[in-house]
Structures are given as structure tokens and as C-alpha cells.
């Protein structure tokens, strides 16, 4: 499926979270995975780590297949230092995500580390 943001890239780290949610709601697994560097790591918070796009894709395929939708939270302003940015979102249940994004050579941003936390609609 194509998300409203399919094919778009993030030129601001603040764009990553809304793109992830829009793509998840649309069932765009490949679009979700495209927001991460090839060797990115996600800490799922349950003692398991996802390393690389293949593992991330497999996980997001399960999430999309479940039919559950990510809840929209309150995105915090990104903290940017050179080519790195810390992004975070306070979720409706009070939990907070934390991600590290890196500016790519073409000026776009991708997540490289994600301390995963999710709330469901």
C-alpha cells in the first residue's frame, strides 16, 4: 500500500515520526523501513534488539498484519548537533520514545537508533 508520504524523504528530523505513523496507518511496510539506516538498531524494550533493515522489516510486517495502529503522541522538538539529532515523542499513555537520527550525505535524515515504545489507537 502507498502511504501519503510514500517516496518522500525527511529533510528535517522532525518529519520522521509523522512519516512513520502515516506509513504504518497505510500499511506501507517498505516506507516505514526506509526511514532507518541500513544498519539501524531498534531496542524493542522487551530485551530484544532488531538490527538492520531486514529484521526491522520483519517486525513491522507483523505490526501491520496485526491491524493495530500506532497512536499519535506529542512530538518533542528535536535536539540537533551537527549531523545527529535526538527525536522523541510523548505517547498518550505517558511513555516516551527516543531516537537518534543522522543527516545523510544528500541532506536527508534517517534514524540509526530507536529506543522503541508504542501506544496503540
PDB file of N, CA and C in Angstrom:
ATOM      1  N   UNK A   1       0.838  -1.184   0.000  1.00  0.00           N
ATOM      2  CA  UNK A   1       0.000   0.000   0.000  1.00  0.00           C
ATOM      3  C   UNK A   1       0.875   1.235   0.000  1.00  0.00           C
ATOM      4  N   UNK A   2       0.373   2.312  -0.526  1.00  0.00           N
ATOM      5  CA  UNK A   2       1.122   3.554  -0.530  1.00  0.00           C
ATOM      6  C   UNK A   2       0.593   4.485   0.541  1.00  0.00           C
ATOM      7  N   UNK A   3       1.497   5.011   1.323  1.00  0.00           N
ATOM      8  CA  UNK A   3       1.140   5.990   2.350  1.00  0.00           C
ATOM      9  C   UNK A   3       1.135   7.366   1.723  1.00  0.00           C
ATOM     10  N   UNK A   4       0.499   8.332   2.373  1.00  0.00           N
ATOM     11  CA  UNK A   4       0.537   9.698   1.853  1.00  0.00           C
ATOM     12  C   UNK A   4       1.956  10.210   1.696  1.00  0.00           C
ATOM     13  N   UNK A   5       2.888   9.699   2.496  1.00  0.00           N
ATOM     14  CA  UNK A   5       4.272  10.166   2.435  1.00  0.00           C
ATOM     15  C   UNK A   5       5.170   9.214   1.658  1.00  0.00           C
ATOM     16  N   UNK A   6       4.573   8.249   0.955  1.00  0.00           N
ATOM     17  CA  UNK A   6       5.378   7.264   0.225  1.00  0.00           C
ATOM     18  C   UNK A   6       6.302   7.973  -0.751  1.00  0.00           C
ATOM     19  N   UNK A   7       7.547   7.561  -0.761  1.00  0.00           N
ATOM     20  CA  UNK A   7       8.521   8.131  -1.673  1.00  0.00           C
ATOM     21  C   UNK A   7       9.127   9.426  -1.184  1.00  0.00           C
ATOM     22  N   UNK A   8       8.552  10.033  -0.162  1.00  0.00           N
ATOM     23  CA  UNK A   8       9.092  11.269   0.369  1.00  0.00           C
ATOM     24  C   UNK A   8      10.218  10.944   1.340  1.00  0.00           C
ATOM     25  N   UNK A   9      11.148  11.855   1.446  1.00  0.00           N
ATOM     26  CA  UNK A   9      12.253  11.707   2.386  1.00  0.00           C
ATOM     27  C   UNK A   9      12.205  12.848   3.388  1.00  0.00           C
ATOM     28  N   UNK A  10      12.804  12.637   4.526  1.00  0.00           N
ATOM     29  CA  UNK A  10      12.791  13.631   5.594  1.00  0.00           C
ATOM     30  C   UNK A  10      13.985  14.566   5.448  1.00  0.00           C
ATOM     31  N   UNK A  11      13.713  15.845   5.276  1.00  0.00           N
ATOM     32  CA  UNK A  11      14.766  16.850   5.242  1.00  0.00           C
ATOM     33  C   UNK A  11      14.880  17.577   6.573  1.00  0.00           C
ATOM     34  N   UNK A  12      14.100  17.130   7.537  1.00  0.00           N
ATOM     35  CA  UNK A  12      14.119  17.638   8.903  1.00  0.00           C
ATOM     36  C   UNK A  12      13.867  16.417   9.786  1.00  0.00           C
ATOM     37  N   UNK A  13      14.640  16.216  10.849  1.00  0.00           N
ATOM     38  CA  UNK A  13      14.419  15.030  11.682  1.00  0.00           C
ATOM     39  C   UNK A  13      13.016  14.984  12.287  1.00  0.00           C
ATOM     40  N   UNK A  14      12.359  16.145  12.413  1.00  0.00           N
ATOM     41  CA  UNK A  14      11.001  16.193  12.944  1.00  0.00           C
ATOM     42  C   UNK A  14       9.993  15.528  12.008  1.00  0.00           C
ATOM     43  N   UNK A  15      10.359  15.303  10.766  1.00  0.00           N
ATOM     44  CA  UNK A  15       9.451  14.670   9.805  1.00  0.00           C
ATOM     45  C   UNK A  15       9.396  13.152   9.965  1.00  0.00           C
ATOM     46  N   UNK A  16      10.386  12.559  10.606  1.00  0.00           N
ATOM     47  CA  UNK A  16      10.472  11.098  10.662  1.00  0.00           C
ATOM     48  C   UNK A  16       9.282  10.465  11.383  1.00  0.00           C
ATOM     49  N   UNK A  17       8.944  10.959  12.559  1.00  0.00           N
ATOM     50  CA  UNK A  17       7.855  10.366  13.346  1.00  0.00           C
ATOM     51  C   UNK A  17       6.509  10.440  12.615  1.00  0.00           C
ATOM     52  N   UNK A  18       6.107  11.617  12.107  1.00  0.00           N
ATOM     53  CA  UNK A  18       4.837  11.657  11.384  1.00  0.00           C
ATOM     54  C   UNK A  18       4.830  10.749  10.148  1.00  0.00           C
ATOM     55  N   UNK A  19       5.981  10.651   9.477  1.00  0.00           N
ATOM     56  CA  UNK A  19       6.065   9.751   8.323  1.00  0.00           C
ATOM     57  C   UNK A  19       5.896   8.294   8.751  1.00  0.00           C
ATOM     58  N   UNK A  20       6.536   7.918   9.854  1.00  0.00           N
ATOM     59  CA  UNK A  20       6.414   6.541  10.337  1.00  0.00           C
ATOM     60  C   UNK A  20       4.951   6.215  10.644  1.00  0.00           C
ATOM     61  N   UNK A  21       4.283   7.102  11.353  1.00  0.00           N
ATOM     62  CA  UNK A  21       2.888   6.849  11.723  1.00  0.00           C
ATOM     63  C   UNK A  21       1.994   6.793  10.491  1.00  0.00           C
ATOM     64  N   UNK A  22       2.151   7.743   9.573  1.00  0.00           N
ATOM     65  CA  UNK A  22       1.330   7.754   8.357  1.00  0.00           C
ATOM     66  C   UNK A  22       1.536   6.476   7.548  1.00  0.00           C
ATOM     67  N   UNK A  23       2.775   6.048   7.436  1.00  0.00           N
ATOM     68  CA  UNK A  23       3.069   4.839   6.657  1.00  0.00           C
ATOM     69  C   UNK A  23       2.540   3.598   7.362  1.00  0.00           C
ATOM     70  N   UNK A  24       2.638   3.551   8.694  1.00  0.00           N
ATOM     71  CA  UNK A  24       2.108   2.396   9.428  1.00  0.00           C
ATOM     72  C   UNK A  24       0.594   2.341   9.282  1.00  0.00           C
ATOM     73  N   UNK A  25      -0.068   3.472   9.399  1.00  0.00           N
ATOM     74  CA  UNK A  25      -1.527   3.507   9.263  1.00  0.00           C
ATOM     75  C   UNK A  25      -1.964   3.083   7.869  1.00  0.00           C
ATOM     76  N   UNK A  26      -1.133   3.361   6.869  1.00  0.00           N
ATOM     77  CA  UNK A  26      -1.447   2.989   5.487  1.00  0.00           C
ATOM     78  C   UNK A  26      -0.978   1.578   5.133  1.00  0.00           C
ATOM     79  N   UNK A  27      -0.271   0.922   6.041  1.00  0.00           N
ATOM     80  CA  UNK A  27       0.235  -0.424   5.765  1.00  0.00           C
ATOM     81  C   UNK A  27       1.466  -0.446   4.879  1.00  0.00           C
ATOM     82  N   UNK A  28       2.187   0.654   4.798  1.00  0.00           N
ATOM     83  CA  UNK A  28       3.369   0.777   3.936  1.00  0.00           C
ATOM     84  C   UNK A  28       4.629   0.339   4.684  1.00  0.00           C
ATOM     85  N   UNK A  29       4.850  -0.961   4.730  1.00  0.00           N
ATOM     86  CA  UNK A  29       5.980  -1.531   5.463  1.00  0.00           C
ATOM     87  C   UNK A  29       7.307  -1.044   4.903  1.00  0.00           C
ATOM     88  N   UNK A  30       7.461  -1.106   3.591  1.00  0.00           N
ATOM     89  CA  UNK A  30       8.723  -0.673   2.991  1.00  0.00           C
ATOM     90  C   UNK A  30       8.979   0.801   3.255  1.00  0.00           C
ATOM     91  N   UNK A  31       7.927   1.606   3.259  1.00  0.00           N
ATOM     92  CA  UNK A  31       8.073   3.020   3.571  1.00  0.00           C
ATOM     93  C   UNK A  31       8.528   3.239   5.001  1.00  0.00           C
ATOM     94  N   UNK A  32       8.033   2.410   5.918  1.00  0.00           N
ATOM     95  CA  UNK A  32       8.455   2.503   7.313  1.00  0.00           C
ATOM     96  C   UNK A  32       9.936   2.181   7.433  1.00  0.00           C
ATOM     97  N   UNK A  33      10.345   1.104   6.814  1.00  0.00           N
ATOM     98  CA  UNK A  33      11.735   0.649   6.887  1.00  0.00           C
ATOM     99  C   UNK A  33      12.672   1.667   6.240  1.00  0.00           C
ATOM    100  N   UNK A  34      12.205   2.365   5.221  1.00  0.00           N
ATOM    101  CA  UNK A  34      13.028   3.343   4.518  1.00  0.00           C
ATOM    102  C   UNK A  34      13.417   4.529   5.391  1.00  0.00           C
ATOM    103  N   UNK A  35      12.816   4.656   6.567  1.00  0.00           N
ATOM    104  CA  UNK A  35      13.145   5.752   7.479  1.00  0.00           C
ATOM    105  C   UNK A  35      14.345   5.435   8.365  1.00  0.00           C
ATOM    106  N   UNK A  36      14.923   4.249   8.186  1.00  0.00           N
ATOM    107  CA  UNK A  36      16.049   3.798   9.006  1.00  0.00           C
ATOM    108  C   UNK A  36      17.275   3.562   8.139  1.00  0.00           C
ATOM    109  N   UNK A  37      18.454   3.831   8.701  1.00  0.00           N
ATOM    110  CA  UNK A  37      19.699   3.471   8.018  1.00  0.00           C
ATOM    111  C   UNK A  37      19.765   1.951   7.874  1.00  0.00           C
ATOM    112  N   UNK A  38      20.574   1.484   6.935  1.00  0.00           N
ATOM    113  CA  UNK A  38      20.678   0.051   6.641  1.00  0.00           C
ATOM    114  C   UNK A  38      21.078  -0.780   7.857  1.00  0.00           C
ATOM    115  N   UNK A  39      21.914  -0.228   8.725  1.00  0.00           N
ATOM    116  CA  UNK A  39      22.387  -0.990   9.882  1.00  0.00           C
ATOM    117  C   UNK A  39      21.797  -0.479  11.200  1.00  0.00           C
ATOM    118  N   UNK A  40      20.644   0.160  11.125  1.00  0.00           N
ATOM    119  CA  UNK A  40      19.992   0.723  12.313  1.00  0.00           C
ATOM    120  C   UNK A  40      19.657  -0.367  13.333  1.00  0.00           C
ATOM    121  N   UNK A  41      19.513   0.064  14.580  1.00  0.00           N
ATOM    122  CA  UNK A  41      19.143  -0.854  15.655  1.00  0.00           C
ATOM    123  C   UNK A  41      17.941  -0.279  16.404  1.00  0.00           C
ATOM    124  N   UNK A  42      16.989  -1.151  16.696  1.00  0.00           N
ATOM    125  CA  UNK A  42      15.820  -0.790  17.498  1.00  0.00           C
ATOM    126  C   UNK A  42      15.840  -1.627  18.762  1.00  0.00           C
ATOM    127  N   UNK A  43      15.766  -0.945  19.893  1.00  0.00           N
ATOM    128  CA  UNK A  43      15.598  -1.603  21.195  1.00  0.00           C
ATOM    129  C   UNK A  43      14.100  -1.664  21.439  1.00  0.00           C
ATOM    130  N   UNK A  44      13.533  -2.853  21.352  1.00  0.00           N
ATOM    131  CA  UNK A  44      12.089  -3.018  21.493  1.00  0.00           C
ATOM    132  C   UNK A  44      11.620  -2.839  22.930  1.00  0.00           C
ATOM    133  N   UNK A  45      12.533  -2.826  23.873  1.00  0.00           N
ATOM    134  CA  UNK A  45      12.151  -2.630  25.256  1.00  0.00           C
ATOM    135  C   UNK A  45      11.767  -3.906  25.976  1.00  0.00           C
ATOM    136  N   UNK A  46      11.796  -5.024  25.281  1.00  0.00           N
ATOM    137  CA  UNK A  46      11.455  -6.311  25.902  1.00  0.00           C
ATOM    138  C   UNK A  46      12.675  -7.221  25.969  1.00  0.00           C
ATOM    139  N   UNK A  47      13.872  -6.607  25.899  1.00  0.00           N
ATOM    140  CA  UNK A  47      15.107  -7.381  25.929  1.00  0.00           C
ATOM    141  C   UNK A  47      15.560  -7.855  24.561  1.00  0.00           C
ATOM    142  N   UNK A  48      14.795  -7.500  23.521  1.00  0.00           N
ATOM    143  CA  UNK A  48      15.176  -7.899  22.163  1.00  0.00           C
ATOM    144  C   UNK A  48      15.555  -6.675  21.342  1.00  0.00           C
ATOM    145  N   UNK A  49      16.569  -6.858  20.510  1.00  0.00           N
ATOM    146  CA  UNK A  49      17.041  -5.804  19.632  1.00  0.00           C
ATOM    147  C   UNK A  49      16.825  -6.230  18.190  1.00  0.00           C
ATOM    148  N   UNK A  50      16.402  -5.296  17.376  1.00  0.00           N
ATOM    149  CA  UNK A  50      16.277  -5.512  15.939  1.00  0.00           C
ATOM    150  C   UNK A  50      17.461  -4.821  15.295  1.00  0.00           C
ATOM    151  N   UNK A  51      18.232  -5.543  14.507  1.00  0.00           N
ATOM    152  CA  UNK A  51      19.424  -4.974  13.869  1.00  0.00           C
ATOM    153  C   UNK A  51      19.316  -5.110  12.360  1.00  0.00           C
ATOM    154  N   UNK A  52      19.349  -3.982  11.675  1.00  0.00           N
ATOM    155  CA  UNK A  52      19.321  -3.962  10.225  1.00  0.00           C
ATOM    156  C   UNK A  52      17.912  -3.937   9.660  1.00  0.00           C
ATOM    157  N   UNK A  53      17.834  -3.513   8.414  1.00  0.00           N
ATOM    158  CA  UNK A  53      16.537  -3.322   7.764  1.00  0.00           C
ATOM    159  C   UNK A  53      15.733  -4.611   7.626  1.00  0.00           C
ATOM    160  N   UNK A  54      16.374  -5.734   7.415  1.00  0.00           N
ATOM    161  CA  UNK A  54      15.620  -6.983   7.264  1.00  0.00           C
ATOM    162  C   UNK A  54      14.854  -7.326   8.544  1.00  0.00           C
ATOM    163  N   UNK A  55      15.520  -7.226   9.684  1.00  0.00           N
ATOM    164  CA  UNK A  55      14.860  -7.508  10.965  1.00  0.00           C
ATOM    165  C   UNK A  55      13.782  -6.470  11.258  1.00  0.00           C
ATOM    166  N   UNK A  56      14.065  -5.219  10.938  1.00  0.00           N
ATOM    167  CA  UNK A  56      13.080  -4.155  11.144  1.00  0.00           C
ATOM    168  C   UNK A  56      11.872  -4.389  10.252  1.00  0.00           C
ATOM    169  N   UNK A  57      12.115  -4.766   9.006  1.00  0.00           N
ATOM    170  CA  UNK A  57      11.008  -5.033   8.081  1.00  0.00           C
ATOM    171  C   UNK A  57      10.150  -6.187   8.582  1.00  0.00           C
ATOM    172  N   UNK A  58      10.780  -7.274   9.018  1.00  0.00           N
ATOM    173  CA  UNK A  58      10.024  -8.428   9.529  1.00  0.00           C
ATOM    174  C   UNK A  58       9.138  -8.019  10.698  1.00  0.00           C
ATOM    175  N   UNK A  59       9.679  -7.216  11.587  1.00  0.00           N
ATOM    176  CA  UNK A  59       8.899  -6.779  12.746  1.00  0.00           C
ATOM    177  C   UNK A  59       7.730  -5.896  12.316  1.00  0.00           C
ATOM    178  N   UNK A  60       8.000  -4.916  11.456  1.00  0.00           N
ATOM    179  CA  UNK A  60       6.923  -4.021  11.027  1.00  0.00           C
ATOM    180  C   UNK A  60       5.872  -4.769  10.199  1.00  0.00           C
ATOM    181  N   UNK A  61       6.269  -5.811   9.496  1.00  0.00           N
ATOM    182  CA  UNK A  61       5.281  -6.627   8.784  1.00  0.00           C
ATOM    183  C   UNK A  61       4.319  -7.273   9.781  1.00  0.00           C
ATOM    184  N   UNK A  62       4.845  -7.739  10.909  1.00  0.00           N
ATOM    185  CA  UNK A  62       3.989  -8.311  11.959  1.00  0.00           C
ATOM    186  C   UNK A  62       3.059  -7.253  12.537  1.00  0.00           C
ATOM    187  N   UNK A  63       3.594  -6.062  12.774  1.00  0.00           N
ATOM    188  CA  UNK A  63       2.801  -4.979  13.343  1.00  0.00           C
ATOM    189  C   UNK A  63       1.653  -4.621  12.396  1.00  0.00           C
ATOM    190  N   UNK A  64       1.961  -4.450  11.118  1.00  0.00           N
ATOM    191  CA  UNK A  64       0.926  -4.089  10.146  1.00  0.00           C
ATOM    192  C   UNK A  64      -0.104  -5.205  10.021  1.00  0.00           C
ATOM    193  N   UNK A  65       0.356  -6.455   9.996  1.00  0.00           N
ATOM    194  CA  UNK A  65      -0.563  -7.587   9.880  1.00  0.00           C
ATOM    195  C   UNK A  65      -1.513  -7.677  11.078  1.00  0.00           C
ATOM    196  N   UNK A  66      -1.095  -7.184  12.227  1.00  0.00           N
ATOM    197  CA  UNK A  66      -1.945  -7.245  13.424  1.00  0.00           C
ATOM    198  C   UNK A  66      -3.171  -6.343  13.295  1.00  0.00           C
ATOM    199  N   UNK A  67      -3.095  -5.347  12.422  1.00  0.00           N
ATOM    200  CA  UNK A  67      -4.198  -4.416  12.237  1.00  0.00           C
ATOM    201  C   UNK A  67      -4.235  -3.295  13.260  1.00  0.00           C
ATOM    202  N   UNK A  68      -3.360  -3.349  14.249  1.00  0.00           N
ATOM    203  CA  UNK A  68      -3.308  -2.292  15.259  1.00  0.00           C
ATOM    204  C   UNK A  68      -2.602  -1.068  14.678  1.00  0.00           C
ATOM    205  N   UNK A  69      -3.004   0.094  15.124  1.00  0.00           N
ATOM    206  CA  UNK A  69      -2.442   1.347  14.612  1.00  0.00           C
ATOM    207  C   UNK A  69      -1.698   2.083  15.716  1.00  0.00           C
ATOM    208  N   UNK A  70      -0.534   2.645  15.359  1.00  0.00           N
ATOM    209  CA  UNK A  70       0.210   3.467  16.295  1.00  0.00           C
ATOM    210  C   UNK A  70      -0.630   4.678  16.694  1.00  0.00           C
ATOM    211  N   UNK A  71      -0.621   5.006  17.965  1.00  0.00           N
ATOM    212  CA  UNK A  71      -1.271   6.222  18.437  1.00  0.00           C
ATOM    213  C   UNK A  71      -0.361   7.418  18.154  1.00  0.00           C
ATOM    214  N   UNK A  72      -0.965   8.548  17.936  1.00  0.00           N
ATOM    215  CA  UNK A  72      -0.215   9.780  17.703  1.00  0.00           C
ATOM    216  C   UNK A  72       0.036  10.441  19.050  1.00  0.00           C
ATOM    217  N   UNK A  73       1.285  10.766  19.301  1.00  0.00           N
ATOM    218  CA  UNK A  73       1.651  11.414  20.554  1.00  0.00           C
ATOM    219  C   UNK A  73       2.041  12.857  20.345  1.00  0.00           C
ATOM    220  N   UNK A  74       2.631  13.436  21.381  1.00  0.00           N
ATOM    221  CA  UNK A  74       3.111  14.813  21.336  1.00  0.00           C
ATOM    222  C   UNK A  74       4.595  14.798  21.017  1.00  0.00           C
ATOM    223  N   UNK A  75       4.925  15.181  19.792  1.00  0.00           N
ATOM    224  CA  UNK A  75       6.317  15.161  19.376  1.00  0.00           C
ATOM    225  C   UNK A  75       7.069  16.298  20.048  1.00  0.00           C
ATOM    226  N   UNK A  76       8.235  15.973  20.594  1.00  0.00           N
ATOM    227  CA  UNK A  76       9.098  16.961  21.236  1.00  0.00           C
ATOM    228  C   UNK A  76      10.013  17.567  20.183  1.00  0.00           C
ATOM    229  N   UNK A  77      10.477  18.804  20.401  1.00  0.00           N
ATOM    230  CA  UNK A  77      11.427  19.390  19.457  1.00  0.00           C
ATOM    231  C   UNK A  77      12.706  18.550  19.400  1.00  0.00           C
ATOM    232  N   UNK A  78      13.201  18.327  18.207  1.00  0.00           N
ATOM    233  CA  UNK A  78      14.442  17.577  18.042  1.00  0.00           C
ATOM    234  C   UNK A  78      15.615  18.379  18.605  1.00  0.00           C
ATOM    235  N   UNK A  79      16.554  17.669  19.206  1.00  0.00           N
ATOM    236  CA  UNK A  79      17.815  18.275  19.636  1.00  0.00           C
ATOM    237  C   UNK A  79      18.839  17.933  18.567  1.00  0.00           C
ATOM    238  N   UNK A  80      19.316  18.940  17.869  1.00  0.00           N
ATOM    239  CA  UNK A  80      20.216  18.736  16.737  1.00  0.00           C
ATOM    240  C   UNK A  80      21.605  19.231  17.094  1.00  0.00           C
ATOM    241  N   UNK A  81      22.602  18.380  16.802  1.00  0.00           N
ATOM    242  CA  UNK A  81      24.001  18.731  16.995  1.00  0.00           C
ATOM    243  C   UNK A  81      24.748  18.243  15.756  1.00  0.00           C
ATOM    244  N   UNK A  82      25.030  19.165  14.850  1.00  0.00           N
ATOM    245  CA  UNK A  82      25.699  18.776  13.608  1.00  0.00           C
ATOM    246  C   UNK A  82      24.834  17.828  12.797  1.00  0.00           C
ATOM    247  N   UNK A  83      25.371  16.651  12.525  1.00  0.00           N
ATOM    248  CA  UNK A  83      24.663  15.672  11.709  1.00  0.00           C
ATOM    249  C   UNK A  83      23.885  14.655  12.528  1.00  0.00           C
ATOM    250  N   UNK A  84      23.741  14.884  13.836  1.00  0.00           N
ATOM    251  CA  UNK A  84      22.970  13.993  14.698  1.00  0.00           C
ATOM    252  C   UNK A  84      21.784  14.746  15.290  1.00  0.00           C
ATOM    253  N   UNK A  85      20.700  14.011  15.516  1.00  0.00           N
ATOM    254  CA  UNK A  85      19.523  14.602  16.145  1.00  0.00           C
ATOM    255  C   UNK A  85      18.883  13.581  17.069  1.00  0.00           C
ATOM    256  N   UNK A  86      18.458  14.042  18.229  1.00  0.00           N
ATOM    257  CA  UNK A  86      17.688  13.219  19.148  1.00  0.00           C
ATOM    258  C   UNK A  86      16.229  13.599  18.958  1.00  0.00           C
ATOM    259  N   UNK A  87      15.411  12.640  18.555  1.00  0.00           N
ATOM    260  CA  UNK A  87      13.985  12.866  18.391  1.00  0.00           C
ATOM    261  C   UNK A  87      13.250  12.096  19.479  1.00  0.00           C
ATOM    262  N   UNK A  88      12.096  12.603  19.876  1.00  0.00           N
ATOM    263  CA  UNK A  88      11.313  11.909  20.892  1.00  0.00           C
ATOM    264  C   UNK A  88       9.856  12.329  20.801  1.00  0.00           C
ATOM    265  N   UNK A  89       9.006  11.457  21.304  1.00  0.00           N
ATOM    266  CA  UNK A  89       7.571  11.707  21.318  1.00  0.00           C
ATOM    267  C   UNK A  89       7.002  11.190  22.628  1.00  0.00           C
ATOM    268  N   UNK A  90       6.192  12.011  23.282  1.00  0.00           N
ATOM    269  CA  UNK A  90       5.461  11.557  24.468  1.00  0.00           C
ATOM    270  C   UNK A  90       4.160  10.949  23.965  1.00  0.00           C
ATOM    271  N   UNK A  91       3.950   9.687  24.290  1.00  0.00           N
ATOM    272  CA  UNK A  91       2.776   8.958  23.826  1.00  0.00           C
ATOM    273  C   UNK A  91       1.572   9.232  24.724  1.00  0.00           C
ATOM    274  N   UNK A  92       0.360   8.969  24.223  1.00  0.00           N
ATOM    275  CA  UNK A  92      -0.846   9.239  25.019  1.00  0.00           C
ATOM    276  C   UNK A  92      -0.857   8.530  26.379  1.00  0.00           C
ATOM    277  N   UNK A  93      -0.166   7.395  26.502  1.00  0.00           N
ATOM    278  CA  UNK A  93      -0.144   6.678  27.781  1.00  0.00           C
ATOM    279  C   UNK A  93       0.950   7.180  28.722  1.00  0.00           C
ATOM    280  N   UNK A  94       1.693   8.227  28.303  1.00  0.00           N
ATOM    281  CA  UNK A  94       2.734   8.817  29.136  1.00  0.00           C
ATOM    282  C   UNK A  94       4.134   8.315  28.854  1.00  0.00           C
ATOM    283  N   UNK A  95       4.271   7.190  28.150  1.00  0.00           N
ATOM    284  CA  UNK A  95       5.599   6.710  27.774  1.00  0.00           C
ATOM    285  C   UNK A  95       6.225   7.661  26.756  1.00  0.00           C
ATOM    286  N   UNK A  96       7.544   7.589  26.633  1.00  0.00           N
ATOM    287  CA  UNK A  96       8.262   8.458  25.708  1.00  0.00           C
ATOM    288  C   UNK A  96       9.195   7.634  24.842  1.00  0.00           C
ATOM    289  N   UNK A  97       9.200   7.923  23.554  1.00  0.00           N
ATOM    290  CA  UNK A  97      10.154   7.301  22.636  1.00  0.00           C
ATOM    291  C   UNK A  97      11.430   8.136  22.630  1.00  0.00           C
ATOM    292  N   UNK A  98      12.514   7.551  22.165  1.00  0.00           N
ATOM    293  CA  UNK A  98      13.770   8.283  21.968  1.00  0.00           C
ATOM    294  C   UNK A  98      14.484   7.659  20.782  1.00  0.00           C
ATOM    295  N   UNK A  99      14.869   8.500  19.831  1.00  0.00           N
ATOM    296  CA  UNK A  99      15.535   8.019  18.630  1.00  0.00           C
ATOM    297  C   UNK A  99      16.710   8.933  18.289  1.00  0.00           C
ATOM    298  N   UNK A 100      17.708   8.366  17.653  1.00  0.00           N
ATOM    299  CA  UNK A 100      18.825   9.144  17.133  1.00  0.00           C
ATOM    300  C   UNK A 100      18.749   9.075  15.615  1.00  0.00           C
ATOM    301  N   UNK A 101      18.713  10.239  14.996  1.00  0.00           N
ATOM    302  CA  UNK A 101      18.717  10.335  13.542  1.00  0.00           C
ATOM    303  C   UNK A 101      20.058  10.897  13.094  1.00  0.00           C
ATOM    304  N   UNK A 102      20.439  10.549  11.866  1.00  0.00           N
ATOM    305  CA  UNK A 102      21.693  11.063  11.311  1.00  0.00           C
ATOM    306  C   UNK A 102      21.391  11.689   9.949  1.00  0.00           C
ATOM    307  N   UNK A 103      21.993  12.876   9.737  1.00  0.00           N
ATOM    308  CA  UNK A 103      21.869  13.522   8.432  1.00  0.00           C
ATOM    309  C   UNK A 103      22.696  12.725   7.419  1.00  0.00           C
ATOM    310  N   UNK A 104      22.091  12.423   6.297  1.00  0.00           N
ATOM    311  CA  UNK A 104      22.754  11.681   5.240  1.00  0.00           C
ATOM    312  C   UNK A 104      23.491  12.647   4.309  1.00  0.00           C
ATOM    313  N   UNK A 105      24.334  12.126   3.443  1.00  0.00           N
ATOM    314  CA  UNK A 105      25.147  12.973   2.560  1.00  0.00           C
ATOM    315  C   UNK A 105      24.289  13.814   1.606  1.00  0.00           C
ATOM    316  N   UNK A 106      23.042  13.387   1.352  1.00  0.00           N
ATOM    317  CA  UNK A 106      22.159  14.151   0.469  1.00  0.00           C
ATOM    318  C   UNK A 106      21.291  15.151   1.226  1.00  0.00           C
ATOM    319  N   UNK A 107      21.526  15.295   2.533  1.00  0.00           N
ATOM    320  CA  UNK A 107      20.776  16.249   3.341  1.00  0.00           C
ATOM    321  C   UNK A 107      19.524  15.687   3.987  1.00  0.00           C
ATOM    322  N   UNK A 108      19.166  14.450   3.689  1.00  0.00           N
ATOM    323  CA  UNK A 108      18.002  13.832   4.319  1.00  0.00           C
ATOM    324  C   UNK A 108      18.395  13.262   5.675  1.00  0.00           C
ATOM    325  N   UNK A 109      17.393  12.879   6.458  1.00  0.00           N
ATOM    326  CA  UNK A 109      17.613  12.315   7.783  1.00  0.00           C
ATOM    327  C   UNK A 109      17.035  10.913   7.856  1.00  0.00           C
ATOM    328  N   UNK A 110      17.767  10.017   8.528  1.00  0.00           N
ATOM    329  CA  UNK A 110      17.299   8.661   8.797  1.00  0.00           C
ATOM    330  C   UNK A 110      17.603   8.320  10.245  1.00  0.00           C
ATOM    331  N   UNK A 111      16.748   7.499  10.822  1.00  0.00           N
ATOM    332  CA  UNK A 111      17.022   7.015  12.170  1.00  0.00           C
ATOM    333  C   UNK A 111      18.099   5.950  12.135  1.00  0.00           C
ATOM    334  N   UNK A 112      18.965   5.961  13.135  1.00  0.00           N
ATOM    335  CA  UNK A 112      20.017   4.965  13.269  1.00  0.00           C
ATOM    336  C   UNK A 112      19.839   4.165  14.561  1.00  0.00           C
ATOM    337  N   UNK A 113      19.255   4.789  15.592  1.00  0.00           N
ATOM    338  CA  UNK A 113      18.977   4.120  16.867  1.00  0.00           C
ATOM    339  C   UNK A 113      17.559   4.498  17.277  1.00  0.00           C
ATOM    340  N   UNK A 114      16.821   3.510  17.742  1.00  0.00           N
ATOM    341  CA  UNK A 114      15.446   3.758  18.188  1.00  0.00           C
ATOM    342  C   UNK A 114      15.195   3.010  19.500  1.00  0.00           C
ATOM    343  N   UNK A 115      14.952   3.749  20.558  1.00  0.00           N
ATOM    344  CA  UNK A 115      14.505   3.150  21.823  1.00  0.00           C
ATOM    345  C   UNK A 115      12.988   3.118  21.707  1.00  0.00           C
ATOM    346  N   UNK A 116      12.519   1.980  21.255  1.00  0.00           N
ATOM    347  CA  UNK A 116      11.145   1.783  20.825  1.00  0.00           C
ATOM    348  C   UNK A 116      10.164   1.805  21.985  1.00  0.00           C
ATOM    349  N   UNK A 117       9.064   2.470  21.767  1.00  0.00           N
ATOM    350  CA  UNK A 117       7.954   2.476  22.704  1.00  0.00           C
ATOM    351  C   UNK A 117       6.742   2.785  21.849  1.00  0.00           C
ATOM    352  N   UNK A 118       5.643   2.088  22.067  1.00  0.00           N
ATOM    353  CA  UNK A 118       4.476   2.300  21.229  1.00  0.00           C
ATOM    354  C   UNK A 118       3.221   2.309  22.070  1.00  0.00           C
ATOM    355  N   UNK A 119       2.299   3.167  21.691  1.00  0.00           N
ATOM    356  CA  UNK A 119       0.942   3.156  22.220  1.00  0.00           C
ATOM    357  C   UNK A 119       0.028   2.910  21.024  1.00  0.00           C
ATOM    358  N   UNK A 120      -1.052   2.262  21.257  1.00  0.00           N
ATOM    359  CA  UNK A 120      -1.968   1.893  20.168  1.00  0.00           C
ATOM    360  C   UNK A 120      -3.233   2.718  20.233  1.00  0.00           C
ATOM    361  N   UNK A 121      -3.765   3.052  19.067  1.00  0.00           N
ATOM    362  CA  UNK A 121      -5.077   3.714  18.974  1.00  0.00           C
ATOM    363  C   UNK A 121      -6.162   2.725  19.341  1.00  0.00           C
TER     364      UNK A 121
END
